[in-house]
Amino acid sequence: MCVLGLGLIGGSLMRAATAAGREAFGYNRSADGVRAAQADGFDASISVVETLERAATSQALIVLAVPMPALPSMLDHVRTTAPDCPLTDVTSVKVAVLQSVREHGLLDRFVGGHPMTGTAHSGWTAGDVGLFTGAPWVLSVDDHVDPQVWAEVMHLALDCGSVVVPAKSDQHDAAAAAISHLPHLLAEALAVTAADVPLAFSLAAGSFRDGTRVAATAPDLVRAMCEANSGPLGSSLDAAIELLSRARAQLAEHGSVAQLVESGHAAKTRYDAFDRPQILGISVGEDGWREELAAAGRAGGVIRSALPVLGSRG
């Protein structure tokens, strides 16, 4: 496995894959990050060309773990040096990545991926071998996806301790806007609002700390994920603004926020009780397998152990 970008996610992936017994090597733009990875005993290089030449020779699975703005440049390197390698990514948006991969002529060997995990920290030193344990790892089942490449990425996610959630790229982005990108902007708004209130920071405790946790994320990373998903995020913002505006009107007219509070509590209760049944009975590569997996993912299903692959040994 070849990891391009050894920050929080890429660095954690390098650690988790190695711990699972996989051979993993990688590239990082920062020399300090490469030296830190090497000091920890990992196979890292500051040369993207040499790293991709090695990937091409070994037909390694390439994992794109760079921020969205750096993706086109990295795809240029992949197209030039290792165009036939299986390819995946760990980016928090899928449609924009899919389009960029298509523009670079690398679609045939690409499966989009997104581990739904992270922290507010970045860089190699922020990595954690257990970061993916129990986390949902979205794998795209778009119409172009090759079953053998999909199965390879499925095995990687399972080896790292994740559960696999199959999804279409556009449906992933709508969900990610609601449960990841919108919370980032709400956290920023909460932090800014409190900053303008005298005494607020002196009194702040658990609810403020929890509500603003992701506002500690580096602004360039937040901008990259939100701006690359502007359409679905705009819809989620509209929905949230409508709810808050309605609550503001109810508070002014009736002195009550009951409607929003009760609806929110009911939704949170549904989330806490949400069941994730195991996806079984689907073979990767059989007729209609992509649509079957997409439907199972929409219903809340997850893959906890490897699905059989049509035409594969064992």
Protein backbone atom coordinates (compact mmCIF):
# COMPACT_ATOMS: atom_id res chain seq x y z
CA MET A 1 0.00 0.00 0.00
CA CYS A 2 1.22 3.49 -0.91
CA VAL A 3 -0.06 6.44 1.11
CA LEU A 4 0.30 9.91 -0.40
CA GLY A 5 0.12 12.35 2.51
CA LEU A 6 1.07 11.39 6.06
CA GLY A 7 -1.03 13.77 8.13
CA LEU A 8 -3.66 12.75 10.67
CA ILE A 9 -5.59 10.36 8.39
CA GLY A 10 -2.75 9.20 6.14
CA GLY A 11 -0.39 8.79 9.08
CA SER A 12 -2.99 6.85 11.06
CA LEU A 13 -3.65 4.69 8.02
CA MET A 14 0.07 3.93 7.68
CA ARG A 15 0.16 2.88 11.34
CA ALA A 16 -3.06 0.83 11.23
CA ALA A 17 -2.18 -0.97 7.98
CA THR A 18 1.30 -1.82 9.23
CA ALA A 19 -0.13 -3.10 12.51
CA ALA A 20 -2.48 -5.33 10.48
CA GLY A 21 0.53 -6.91 8.76
CA ARG A 22 0.42 -4.99 5.50
CA GLU A 23 3.46 -3.60 3.74
CA ALA A 24 2.97 0.16 3.64
CA PHE A 25 5.12 3.00 2.37
CA GLY A 26 4.33 6.64 1.77
CA TYR A 27 5.14 10.16 0.71
CA ASN A 28 4.79 13.42 2.59
CA ARG A 29 5.42 16.98 1.42
CA SER A 30 6.85 18.06 4.78
CA ALA A 31 10.40 16.95 5.44
CA ASP A 32 9.75 17.21 9.17
CA GLY A 33 6.82 14.82 8.80
CA VAL A 34 8.94 12.36 6.84
CA ARG A 35 11.72 12.47 9.42
CA ALA A 36 9.20 11.94 12.24
CA ALA A 37 7.67 8.96 10.43
CA GLN A 38 11.08 7.46 9.75
CA ALA A 39 12.10 7.98 13.38
CA ASP A 40 9.01 5.99 14.36
CA GLY A 41 10.14 3.15 12.12
CA PHE A 42 7.91 3.76 9.09
CA ASP A 43 8.81 3.72 5.41
CA ALA A 44 8.39 7.34 4.30
CA SER A 45 9.88 9.51 1.56
CA ILE A 46 9.88 13.16 0.58
CA SER A 47 10.03 12.26 -3.13
CA VAL A 48 6.61 11.75 -4.70
CA VAL A 49 8.12 10.51 -7.97
CA GLU A 50 10.25 7.84 -6.31
CA THR A 51 7.32 6.78 -4.14
CA LEU A 52 5.00 6.42 -7.13
CA GLU A 53 7.65 4.60 -9.18
CA ARG A 54 7.82 2.09 -6.36
CA ALA A 55 4.01 1.84 -6.31
CA ALA A 56 3.94 1.23 -10.07
CA THR A 57 6.56 -1.53 -9.82
CA SER A 58 4.67 -3.34 -7.04
CA GLN A 59 1.13 -2.51 -8.30
CA ALA A 60 0.41 -1.11 -4.85
CA LEU A 61 -2.95 0.28 -3.84
CA ILE A 62 -2.46 4.06 -3.84
CA VAL A 63 -4.30 6.03 -1.16
CA LEU A 64 -4.72 9.77 -1.76
CA ALA A 65 -4.54 11.37 1.69
CA VAL A 66 -3.79 14.98 0.75
CA PRO A 67 -6.09 17.99 1.29
CA MET A 68 -8.59 18.70 -1.47
CA PRO A 69 -6.66 21.70 -2.91
CA ALA A 70 -3.59 19.49 -3.43
CA LEU A 71 -5.51 16.71 -5.14
CA PRO A 72 -5.19 17.82 -8.82
CA SER A 73 -1.42 18.11 -8.54
CA MET A 74 -1.17 14.70 -6.89
CA LEU A 75 -3.37 13.14 -9.58
CA ASP A 76 -1.03 14.62 -12.19
CA HIS A 77 1.81 12.68 -10.58
CA VAL A 78 -0.23 9.47 -10.41
CA ARG A 79 -1.27 9.78 -14.07
CA THR A 80 2.34 10.28 -15.14
CA THR A 81 4.02 7.63 -13.00
CA ALA A 82 1.52 5.00 -11.78
CA PRO A 83 -1.68 5.21 -13.87
CA ASP A 84 -2.44 1.48 -13.69
CA CYS A 85 -2.35 1.14 -9.91
CA PRO A 86 -5.61 0.69 -7.98
CA LEU A 87 -6.52 4.04 -6.47
CA THR A 88 -8.61 5.28 -3.55
CA ASP A 89 -8.82 8.35 -1.33
CA VAL A 90 -9.79 9.40 2.20
CA THR A 91 -11.26 12.82 1.37
CA SER A 92 -14.41 14.09 3.09
CA VAL A 93 -16.17 14.90 -0.19
CA LYS A 94 -16.75 12.44 -2.98
CA VAL A 95 -18.36 14.10 -6.03
CA ALA A 96 -15.59 16.70 -6.38
CA VAL A 97 -12.91 14.02 -6.04
CA LEU A 98 -14.71 11.80 -8.54
CA GLN A 99 -14.81 14.64 -11.05
CA SER A 100 -11.11 15.39 -10.62
CA VAL A 101 -10.19 11.72 -11.01
CA ARG A 102 -12.34 11.55 -14.16
CA GLU A 103 -10.63 14.63 -15.61
CA HIS A 104 -7.25 12.99 -15.07
CA GLY A 105 -8.31 9.81 -16.88
CA LEU A 106 -7.91 7.59 -13.80
CA LEU A 107 -11.53 6.59 -13.22
CA ASP A 108 -11.25 2.92 -14.22
CA ARG A 109 -9.05 2.02 -11.23
CA PHE A 110 -10.60 4.39 -8.69
CA VAL A 111 -12.86 3.72 -5.69
CA GLY A 112 -13.78 6.72 -3.56
CA GLY A 113 -13.39 6.35 0.20
CA HIS A 114 -13.99 8.36 3.35
CA PRO A 115 -13.21 7.12 6.88
CA MET A 116 -15.68 8.95 9.13
CA THR A 117 -13.24 9.74 11.91
CA GLY A 118 -10.69 12.36 12.91
CA THR A 119 -9.58 14.86 15.52
CA ALA A 120 -8.93 18.59 15.58
CA HIS A 121 -5.18 17.93 15.27
CA SER A 122 -3.04 17.46 12.16
CA GLY A 123 0.34 16.20 11.02
CA TRP A 124 2.20 12.92 11.47
CA THR A 125 2.43 13.25 15.24
CA ALA A 126 -1.38 13.46 15.48
CA GLY A 127 -1.75 9.98 13.98
CA ASP A 128 -3.23 7.11 15.97
CA VAL A 129 -3.09 3.40 15.14
CA GLY A 130 -6.60 2.99 16.59
CA LEU A 131 -8.20 5.97 14.83
CA PHE A 132 -10.32 3.81 12.50
CA THR A 133 -11.42 1.20 15.03
CA GLY A 134 -15.20 0.89 14.88
CA ALA A 135 -15.53 3.91 12.58
CA PRO A 136 -17.70 3.88 9.45
CA TRP A 137 -15.58 3.92 6.29
CA VAL A 138 -17.61 4.94 3.26
CA LEU A 139 -16.77 3.20 -0.02
CA SER A 140 -18.29 4.50 -3.24
CA VAL A 141 -20.38 2.15 -5.34
CA ASP A 142 -20.72 4.46 -8.34
CA ASP A 143 -21.48 2.94 -11.73
CA HIS A 144 -17.85 2.86 -12.91
CA VAL A 145 -16.43 1.03 -9.89
CA ASP A 146 -14.38 -2.09 -10.62
CA PRO A 147 -15.32 -4.97 -8.29
CA GLN A 148 -11.75 -6.18 -7.77
CA VAL A 149 -10.50 -2.72 -6.79
CA TRP A 150 -13.56 -2.22 -4.58
CA ALA A 151 -12.84 -5.49 -2.81
CA GLU A 152 -9.21 -4.49 -2.29
CA VAL A 153 -10.22 -1.24 -0.59
CA MET A 154 -12.90 -3.06 1.43
CA HIS A 155 -10.23 -5.39 2.83
CA LEU A 156 -8.03 -2.42 3.71
CA ALA A 157 -10.82 -0.71 5.65
CA LEU A 158 -11.70 -3.91 7.50
CA ASP A 159 -8.03 -4.59 8.31
CA CYS A 160 -7.85 -1.13 9.90
CA GLY A 161 -10.79 -1.97 12.18
CA SER A 162 -13.52 0.00 10.41
CA VAL A 163 -16.97 -1.04 9.29
CA VAL A 164 -17.65 -0.40 5.60
CA VAL A 165 -20.63 1.68 4.48
CA PRO A 166 -21.35 1.43 0.73
CA ALA A 167 -22.80 4.60 -0.82
CA LYS A 168 -23.16 6.55 -4.04
CA SER A 169 -20.89 9.60 -4.10
CA ASP A 170 -23.69 12.19 -4.30
CA GLN A 171 -25.60 10.56 -1.45
CA HIS A 172 -22.44 10.53 0.66
CA ASP A 173 -21.95 14.25 0.09
CA ALA A 174 -25.52 15.10 1.13
CA ALA A 175 -25.08 13.09 4.33
CA ALA A 176 -21.59 14.47 5.04
CA ALA A 177 -22.91 18.01 4.68
CA ALA A 178 -25.47 17.36 7.42
CA ILE A 179 -23.37 15.38 9.90
CA SER A 180 -19.85 16.73 9.32
CA HIS A 181 -19.59 19.97 7.38
CA LEU A 182 -22.59 21.76 8.90
CA PRO A 183 -21.42 20.94 12.47
CA HIS A 184 -18.09 22.58 11.65
CA LEU A 185 -19.81 25.82 10.64
CA LEU A 186 -22.19 25.70 13.62
CA ALA A 187 -19.19 25.25 15.91
CA GLU A 188 -17.50 28.28 14.36
CA ALA A 189 -20.69 30.35 14.74
CA LEU A 190 -21.08 29.29 18.38
CA ALA A 191 -17.46 30.21 19.16
CA VAL A 192 -17.77 33.63 17.48
CA THR A 193 -21.10 34.38 19.18
CA ALA A 194 -19.72 33.61 22.63
CA ALA A 195 -16.56 35.63 21.95
CA ASP A 196 -18.69 38.78 21.70
CA VAL A 197 -20.39 38.26 25.08
CA PRO A 198 -18.60 39.59 28.18
CA LEU A 199 -18.02 36.90 30.82
CA ALA A 200 -18.95 34.09 28.39
CA PHE A 201 -15.53 32.46 28.25
CA SER A 202 -15.20 32.71 32.03
CA LEU A 203 -18.41 30.73 32.51
CA ALA A 204 -18.02 28.30 29.62
CA ALA A 205 -18.08 24.62 30.59
CA GLY A 206 -19.08 21.28 29.10
CA SER A 207 -21.77 22.22 26.61
CA PHE A 208 -19.68 25.03 25.10
CA ARG A 209 -16.57 22.85 25.03
CA ASP A 210 -18.41 20.02 23.26
CA GLY A 211 -20.26 22.34 20.91
CA THR A 212 -17.08 24.11 19.76
CA ARG A 213 -14.66 21.15 19.73
CA VAL A 214 -14.27 20.99 15.95
CA ALA A 215 -13.72 24.76 15.75
CA ALA A 216 -10.16 23.92 16.84
CA THR A 217 -9.56 22.31 13.43
CA ALA A 218 -7.13 24.18 11.19
CA PRO A 219 -9.17 26.75 9.19
CA ASP A 220 -7.67 25.74 5.84
CA LEU A 221 -8.85 22.15 6.35
CA VAL A 222 -12.36 23.28 7.27
CA ARG A 223 -12.53 25.59 4.27
CA ALA A 224 -11.32 22.83 1.94
CA MET A 225 -13.96 20.32 2.98
CA CYS A 226 -16.83 22.82 3.14
CA GLU A 227 -16.08 24.69 -0.06
CA ALA A 228 -15.65 21.46 -2.03
CA ASN A 229 -19.17 20.43 -0.97
CA SER A 230 -20.86 23.80 -1.41
CA GLY A 231 -24.12 22.57 -2.97
CA PRO A 232 -25.16 20.00 -0.34
CA LEU A 233 -23.75 22.16 2.45
CA GLY A 234 -25.83 25.10 1.24
CA SER A 235 -28.97 22.97 1.50
CA SER A 236 -28.06 21.87 5.03
CA LEU A 237 -27.38 25.47 6.02
CA ASP A 238 -30.77 26.50 4.64
CA ALA A 239 -32.49 23.81 6.71
CA ALA A 240 -30.63 24.78 9.90
CA ILE A 241 -31.25 28.51 9.38
CA GLU A 242 -34.96 27.81 8.81
CA LEU A 243 -35.16 25.85 12.08
CA LEU A 244 -33.34 28.55 14.04
CA SER A 245 -35.39 31.34 12.44
CA ARG A 246 -38.59 29.55 13.33
CA ALA A 247 -37.37 29.06 16.90
CA ARG A 248 -36.44 32.75 17.10
CA ALA A 249 -39.93 33.74 15.95
CA GLN A 250 -41.58 31.35 18.41
CA LEU A 251 -39.44 32.72 21.23
CA ALA A 252 -40.38 36.31 20.39
CA GLU A 253 -44.10 35.64 19.91
CA HIS A 254 -44.78 32.95 22.51
CA GLY A 255 -41.74 32.87 24.79
CA SER A 256 -41.10 29.25 23.84
CA VAL A 257 -38.53 27.15 21.98
CA ALA A 258 -40.43 23.94 22.65
CA GLN A 259 -40.86 22.93 19.01
CA LEU A 260 -37.15 22.93 18.17
CA VAL A 261 -36.07 21.46 21.51
CA GLU A 262 -38.56 18.60 21.38
CA SER A 263 -37.85 17.83 17.72
CA GLY A 264 -34.12 17.89 18.35
CA HIS A 265 -34.41 15.64 21.38
CA ALA A 266 -36.53 13.16 19.41
CA ALA A 267 -34.00 13.12 16.53
CA LYS A 268 -31.10 12.57 18.94
CA THR A 269 -32.99 9.71 20.59
CA ARG A 270 -33.51 8.12 17.16
CA TYR A 271 -29.79 8.47 16.45
CA ASP A 272 -28.79 6.89 19.76
CA ALA A 273 -31.05 3.90 19.05
CA PHE A 274 -30.10 3.62 15.37
CA ASP A 275 -29.31 0.06 14.38
CA ARG A 276 -26.58 -0.84 11.90
CA PRO A 277 -27.39 -4.32 10.62
CA GLN A 278 -24.65 -6.34 8.98
CA ILE A 279 -24.77 -6.54 5.19
CA LEU A 280 -24.78 -10.16 4.07
CA GLY A 281 -25.83 -12.14 1.01
CA ILE A 282 -24.27 -9.86 -1.62
CA SER A 283 -21.32 -10.92 -3.73
CA VAL A 284 -19.10 -8.15 -5.08
CA GLY A 285 -19.18 -8.34 -8.86
CA GLU A 286 -22.51 -10.12 -9.27
CA ASP A 287 -25.26 -8.55 -11.39
CA GLY A 288 -26.60 -5.42 -9.70
CA TRP A 289 -24.10 -5.55 -6.82
CA ARG A 290 -23.49 -1.79 -6.76
CA GLU A 291 -27.18 -0.91 -6.49
CA GLU A 292 -27.78 -3.62 -3.90
CA LEU A 293 -24.93 -2.34 -1.74
CA ALA A 294 -26.05 1.29 -2.14
CA ALA A 295 -29.57 0.36 -1.00
CA ALA A 296 -28.22 -1.59 1.96
CA GLY A 297 -26.04 1.36 2.95
CA ARG A 298 -28.98 3.79 2.76
CA ALA A 299 -30.90 1.46 5.10
CA GLY A 300 -28.12 1.71 7.67
CA GLY A 301 -26.33 -1.51 6.83
CA VAL A 302 -22.60 -1.97 7.29
CA ILE A 303 -20.03 -4.55 6.22
CA ARG A 304 -18.27 -6.01 9.26
CA SER A 305 -16.55 -8.93 7.55
CA ALA A 306 -15.41 -9.26 3.95
CA LEU A 307 -18.06 -9.98 1.35
CA PRO A 308 -17.34 -12.70 -1.23
CA VAL A 309 -15.98 -11.50 -4.56
CA LEU A 310 -17.22 -13.09 -7.75
CA GLY A 311 -14.40 -14.86 -9.60
CA SER A 312 -11.98 -14.49 -6.69
CA ARG A 313 -10.18 -17.38 -5.07
CA GLY A 314 -11.02 -17.86 -1.41
